[in-house]
Amino acid sequence: MDDSPVEAAPPSHPAGEWPRDRKTWWPWRICGAILFPLIGLLARTEVVGGERIPARGPVVVASNHMSIIDPTYLVRAFWKHGRLARFLAKKSIWKVPVIGGIMQASGQIPVDRAGSAASSLRAAEQLVETGSLLIVYPEATLTRDPGLWPMKGKTGAARLALESGAPLLPIAHWGAQRVLPPYGKLRWWPFPRKRIVVMIGEPIDLAPWRDRPLDQRTLAEITETLMDAITALQARLRPGETPPEHRWDMAVDGDPYRRGARS
């Protein structure tokens, strides 16, 4: 299988997924005409393994998370391969003028970290049930690992995939931190142009767990397998570097970025 990077111009719209409701399609028009070309000036996006993205139907995509800007580049990467991607994001983003309206209209899911996650999870389940591609960050926040390797994951992605029957697709990316470091400032100067590579892995084989009880042990095992896959993909993007033997766990290792309530 050819895993060489591919750089291609975004299509006018993802084939077969273009929203018919005008209230839904206008934010994607803005993204395609303005946002994606703009962020493309800061960094080009290369996709490795794009043929592994299902052309249609529900998909739960699980990714590492290094920068608050990386969702934008991931959505652009899937756009280039014909899919409209949705993801879960902090509810506070919905309060930002214009951006909040785009998030709402394009079907993104707000997460209230101070409240119950049940409504957010149900909204995610409904997206998957209707055949959408949903991006989930198992770490639930930016990685705190000093080397930017994936941390210990939470079980939401595993639960969504196992309950819905949707493919669970691990992906990893590298380079977004050069555009916007974790809790740093956006590097607007476009020269030299940055390079972001998104690597798509093979779907996680969930067959060994399908006949088991849907309990915490089952979900934890799937999540560990998932995080191993994401870490292995990121290691391929960082030749000469080796992931740490111990996966960073904020409950044990702490939060080096924490200031007050920042997370």
Protein backbone atom coordinates (compact mmCIF):
# COMPACT_ATOMS: atom_id res chain seq x y z
CA MET A 1 0.00 0.00 0.00
CA ASP A 2 1.31 3.43 -0.97
CA ASP A 3 1.80 5.60 2.13
CA SER A 4 3.42 8.54 0.34
CA PRO A 5 2.11 11.98 1.40
CA VAL A 6 -0.47 13.58 -0.84
CA GLU A 7 -1.04 17.34 -1.17
CA ALA A 8 -4.15 18.28 -3.09
CA ALA A 9 -6.36 21.32 -3.42
CA PRO A 10 -9.62 21.07 -1.45
CA PRO A 11 -12.56 20.17 -3.68
CA SER A 12 -15.44 22.63 -4.05
CA HIS A 13 -17.34 20.40 -1.64
CA PRO A 14 -17.07 16.85 -0.26
CA ALA A 15 -18.72 14.53 -2.73
CA GLY A 16 -21.94 12.95 -1.49
CA GLU A 17 -21.98 14.79 1.85
CA TRP A 18 -22.95 18.32 0.87
CA PRO A 19 -25.71 19.49 3.28
CA ARG A 20 -29.00 20.21 1.56
CA ASP A 21 -30.26 22.52 4.31
CA ARG A 22 -29.01 26.07 3.67
CA LYS A 23 -28.75 26.65 7.43
CA THR A 24 -26.16 23.89 7.47
CA TRP A 25 -24.21 24.44 4.26
CA TRP A 26 -23.26 28.12 4.63
CA PRO A 27 -20.48 27.53 7.24
CA TRP A 28 -18.91 24.90 4.99
CA ARG A 29 -18.96 27.41 2.12
CA ILE A 30 -17.09 29.86 4.34
CA CYS A 31 -14.57 27.18 5.32
CA GLY A 32 -13.99 26.11 1.73
CA ALA A 33 -13.73 29.63 0.32
CA ILE A 34 -11.95 31.49 3.13
CA LEU A 35 -10.82 29.52 6.19
CA PHE A 36 -9.11 26.57 4.52
CA PRO A 37 -7.13 28.71 2.04
CA LEU A 38 -6.15 31.06 4.89
CA ILE A 39 -4.79 28.36 7.17
CA GLY A 40 -3.17 26.80 4.12
CA LEU A 41 -0.97 29.90 3.90
CA LEU A 42 0.41 29.11 7.36
CA ALA A 43 0.92 25.40 6.78
CA ARG A 44 0.40 22.88 4.02
CA THR A 45 -1.40 19.71 5.02
CA GLU A 46 -0.21 16.33 3.78
CA VAL A 47 -2.32 13.22 4.28
CA VAL A 48 -0.80 9.75 4.48
CA GLY A 49 -3.14 6.77 4.15
CA GLY A 50 -6.11 8.77 2.90
CA GLU A 51 -7.41 5.71 1.09
CA ARG A 52 -8.31 4.27 4.53
CA ILE A 53 -10.99 6.92 5.07
CA PRO A 54 -14.40 5.39 4.29
CA ALA A 55 -16.08 7.34 1.48
CA ARG A 56 -19.46 7.17 3.19
CA GLY A 57 -21.09 6.06 6.40
CA PRO A 58 -20.37 6.57 10.09
CA VAL A 59 -16.78 6.76 11.31
CA VAL A 60 -15.35 7.46 14.75
CA VAL A 61 -11.93 9.04 14.26
CA ALA A 62 -9.59 9.16 17.28
CA SER A 63 -6.68 11.59 17.18
CA ASN A 64 -3.85 12.94 19.29
CA HIS A 65 -4.21 16.57 20.42
CA MET A 66 -1.24 18.97 20.59
CA SER A 67 -2.60 22.40 19.68
CA ILE A 68 -5.95 24.17 19.87
CA ILE A 69 -5.61 24.83 16.14
CA ASP A 70 -5.17 21.19 15.10
CA PRO A 71 -8.96 20.53 14.76
CA THR A 72 -9.02 23.10 11.94
CA TYR A 73 -6.32 21.29 10.01
CA LEU A 74 -7.90 17.88 10.66
CA VAL A 75 -11.26 19.08 9.33
CA ARG A 76 -9.43 20.43 6.27
CA ALA A 77 -7.63 17.10 5.79
CA PHE A 78 -10.91 15.16 5.78
CA TRP A 79 -12.51 17.80 3.54
CA LYS A 80 -9.76 17.13 1.01
CA HIS A 81 -10.79 13.48 1.05
CA GLY A 82 -14.51 14.09 0.63
CA ARG A 83 -15.81 14.00 4.20
CA LEU A 84 -17.38 16.65 6.42
CA ALA A 85 -15.89 16.15 9.87
CA ARG A 86 -17.56 17.05 13.14
CA PHE A 87 -15.92 17.13 16.54
CA LEU A 88 -16.51 17.87 20.21
CA ALA A 89 -15.20 21.22 21.47
CA LYS A 90 -15.33 23.37 24.59
CA LYS A 91 -18.66 25.14 25.01
CA SER A 92 -16.89 28.48 25.54
CA ILE A 93 -15.99 28.58 21.82
CA TRP A 94 -19.69 29.01 21.03
CA LYS A 95 -19.55 32.42 22.76
CA VAL A 96 -16.98 33.79 20.29
CA PRO A 97 -18.66 36.07 17.70
CA VAL A 98 -18.93 34.58 14.19
CA ILE A 99 -16.91 31.49 15.18
CA GLY A 100 -19.66 30.37 17.54
CA GLY A 101 -22.24 30.70 14.78
CA ILE A 102 -20.10 28.66 12.39
CA MET A 103 -19.59 25.95 15.01
CA GLN A 104 -23.33 25.74 15.70
CA ALA A 105 -24.43 25.76 12.07
CA SER A 106 -21.84 23.21 10.92
CA GLY A 107 -22.99 20.66 13.48
CA GLN A 108 -20.09 20.70 15.93
CA ILE A 109 -20.82 19.51 19.48
CA PRO A 110 -20.31 21.74 22.53
CA VAL A 111 -18.94 20.16 25.70
CA ASP A 112 -19.60 21.79 29.06
CA ARG A 113 -16.73 20.61 31.25
CA ALA A 114 -18.38 22.10 34.33
CA GLY A 115 -21.59 20.17 33.78
CA SER A 116 -22.80 16.78 32.64
CA ALA A 117 -21.28 15.21 29.53
CA ALA A 118 -24.39 13.09 28.89
CA SER A 119 -25.99 15.51 26.41
CA SER A 120 -22.74 15.90 24.46
CA LEU A 121 -22.29 12.15 24.24
CA ARG A 122 -25.86 11.71 23.07
CA ALA A 123 -25.35 14.34 20.37
CA ALA A 124 -22.20 12.50 19.29
CA GLU A 125 -24.13 9.22 19.16
CA GLN A 126 -26.79 10.81 16.97
CA LEU A 127 -24.18 12.09 14.52
CA VAL A 128 -22.66 8.64 14.22
CA GLU A 129 -26.11 7.07 13.84
CA THR A 130 -26.86 9.37 10.89
CA GLY A 131 -23.67 8.39 9.07
CA SER A 132 -21.38 11.27 10.02
CA LEU A 133 -17.62 11.28 10.51
CA LEU A 134 -16.88 12.31 14.09
CA ILE A 135 -13.44 13.32 15.38
CA VAL A 136 -12.84 12.47 19.04
CA TYR A 137 -9.83 13.35 21.16
CA PRO A 138 -9.46 10.44 23.62
CA GLU A 139 -7.12 12.55 25.76
CA ALA A 140 -9.98 15.08 26.16
CA THR A 141 -7.49 17.96 26.28
CA LEU A 142 -4.10 19.02 24.95
CA THR A 143 -1.35 16.54 25.75
CA ARG A 144 0.73 17.41 28.80
CA ASP A 145 3.51 15.00 27.85
CA PRO A 146 6.76 17.05 27.67
CA GLY A 147 7.57 15.47 24.30
CA LEU A 148 4.02 15.97 22.95
CA TRP A 149 3.35 12.23 22.83
CA PRO A 150 -0.24 11.02 23.41
CA MET A 151 -1.41 10.73 27.02
CA LYS A 152 -3.64 8.17 28.67
CA GLY A 153 -7.00 8.17 26.91
CA LYS A 154 -10.58 8.26 28.08
CA THR A 155 -13.09 5.66 26.92
CA GLY A 156 -15.64 7.75 24.98
CA ALA A 157 -14.35 6.89 21.50
CA ALA A 158 -14.30 3.17 22.30
CA ARG A 159 -17.86 3.30 23.63
CA LEU A 160 -19.17 5.20 20.59
CA ALA A 161 -17.60 2.77 18.15
CA LEU A 162 -18.59 -0.39 20.01
CA GLU A 163 -22.20 0.67 20.56
CA SER A 164 -22.76 2.04 17.04
CA GLY A 165 -20.77 -0.51 15.05
CA ALA A 166 -18.93 2.35 13.30
CA PRO A 167 -15.26 1.86 12.34
CA LEU A 168 -12.81 3.18 14.94
CA LEU A 169 -10.09 4.91 12.95
CA PRO A 170 -6.86 5.95 14.72
CA ILE A 171 -4.99 8.91 13.26
CA ALA A 172 -1.97 10.97 14.30
CA HIS A 173 -0.67 14.31 13.17
CA TRP A 174 2.55 16.28 13.60
CA GLY A 175 3.33 19.91 12.81
CA ALA A 176 0.34 21.89 14.13
CA GLN A 177 2.37 22.79 17.22
CA ARG A 178 4.68 24.80 14.96
CA VAL A 179 1.74 27.00 13.94
CA LEU A 180 0.33 27.35 17.45
CA PRO A 181 2.27 25.78 20.36
CA PRO A 182 0.30 24.42 23.33
CA TYR A 183 -0.94 27.49 25.21
CA GLY A 184 1.38 29.62 23.09
CA LYS A 185 0.84 32.40 20.57
CA LEU A 186 -0.21 31.94 16.96
CA ARG A 187 2.75 32.27 14.61
CA TRP A 188 1.22 34.43 11.88
CA TRP A 189 4.42 34.86 9.88
CA PRO A 190 3.97 32.41 7.00
CA PHE A 191 7.65 32.00 6.11
CA PRO A 192 8.95 29.43 6.08
CA ARG A 193 5.63 27.74 5.46
CA LYS A 194 4.97 25.04 8.05
CA ARG A 195 4.22 21.41 7.21
CA ILE A 196 1.54 19.36 8.93
CA VAL A 197 1.29 15.64 8.22
CA VAL A 198 -1.82 13.64 9.10
CA MET A 199 -1.39 9.86 9.10
CA ILE A 200 -4.48 7.63 8.87
CA GLY A 201 -4.14 4.21 10.46
CA GLU A 202 -5.95 0.95 9.93
CA PRO A 203 -9.30 0.64 11.77
CA ILE A 204 -9.11 -0.98 15.18
CA ASP A 205 -10.39 -4.56 15.03
CA LEU A 206 -13.16 -4.58 17.65
CA ALA A 207 -14.12 -8.24 17.07
CA PRO A 208 -12.38 -9.53 20.25
CA TRP A 209 -14.59 -7.27 22.40
CA ARG A 210 -17.98 -7.44 20.65
CA ASP A 211 -19.30 -10.41 22.64
CA ARG A 212 -18.02 -9.12 25.97
CA PRO A 213 -19.98 -7.01 28.50
CA LEU A 214 -19.81 -3.30 27.78
CA ASP A 215 -18.11 -2.54 31.07
CA GLN A 216 -15.17 -0.39 32.15
CA ARG A 217 -12.65 -3.19 31.70
CA THR A 218 -13.71 -3.78 28.09
CA LEU A 219 -13.66 -0.07 27.26
CA ALA A 220 -10.30 0.42 28.98
CA GLU A 221 -8.72 -2.41 26.96
CA ILE A 222 -10.02 -0.98 23.66
CA THR A 223 -8.83 2.50 24.64
CA GLU A 224 -5.35 1.21 25.50
CA THR A 225 -5.18 -0.53 22.11
CA LEU A 226 -6.37 2.67 20.45
CA MET A 227 -3.78 4.86 22.20
CA ASP A 228 -1.04 2.36 21.29
CA ALA A 229 -2.09 2.70 17.64
CA ILE A 230 -2.14 6.51 17.75
CA THR A 231 1.27 6.58 19.44
CA ALA A 232 2.73 4.20 16.86
CA LEU A 233 1.41 6.39 14.03
CA GLN A 234 2.93 9.49 15.59
CA ALA A 235 6.24 7.69 16.01
CA ARG A 236 6.25 7.08 12.24
CA LEU A 237 5.91 10.83 11.75
CA ARG A 238 8.87 11.48 14.06
CA PRO A 239 11.70 9.31 12.71
CA GLY A 240 14.58 8.90 15.11
CA GLU A 241 12.39 9.57 18.16
CA THR A 242 11.06 6.94 20.56
CA PRO A 243 7.82 7.25 22.55
CA PRO A 244 8.22 7.12 26.34
CA GLU A 245 7.64 3.76 28.01
CA HIS A 246 5.23 5.41 30.44
CA ARG A 247 2.18 7.12 28.92
CA TRP A 248 1.53 10.46 30.64
CA ASP A 249 -1.42 10.30 33.03
CA MET A 250 -2.57 13.66 34.39
CA ALA A 251 -4.09 11.98 37.44
CA VAL A 252 -0.65 10.64 38.36
CA ASP A 253 1.88 12.86 36.61
CA GLY A 254 0.10 16.17 37.05
CA ASP A 255 -0.50 19.12 34.73
CA PRO A 256 2.62 21.20 34.00
CA TYR A 257 0.52 23.78 32.12
CA ARG A 258 -2.01 24.29 34.88
CA ARG A 259 -2.59 27.84 36.09
CA GLY A 260 -5.73 28.23 38.12
CA ALA A 261 -8.54 26.57 36.16
CA ARG A 262 -6.68 26.39 32.81
CA SER A 263 -7.08 23.03 31.05
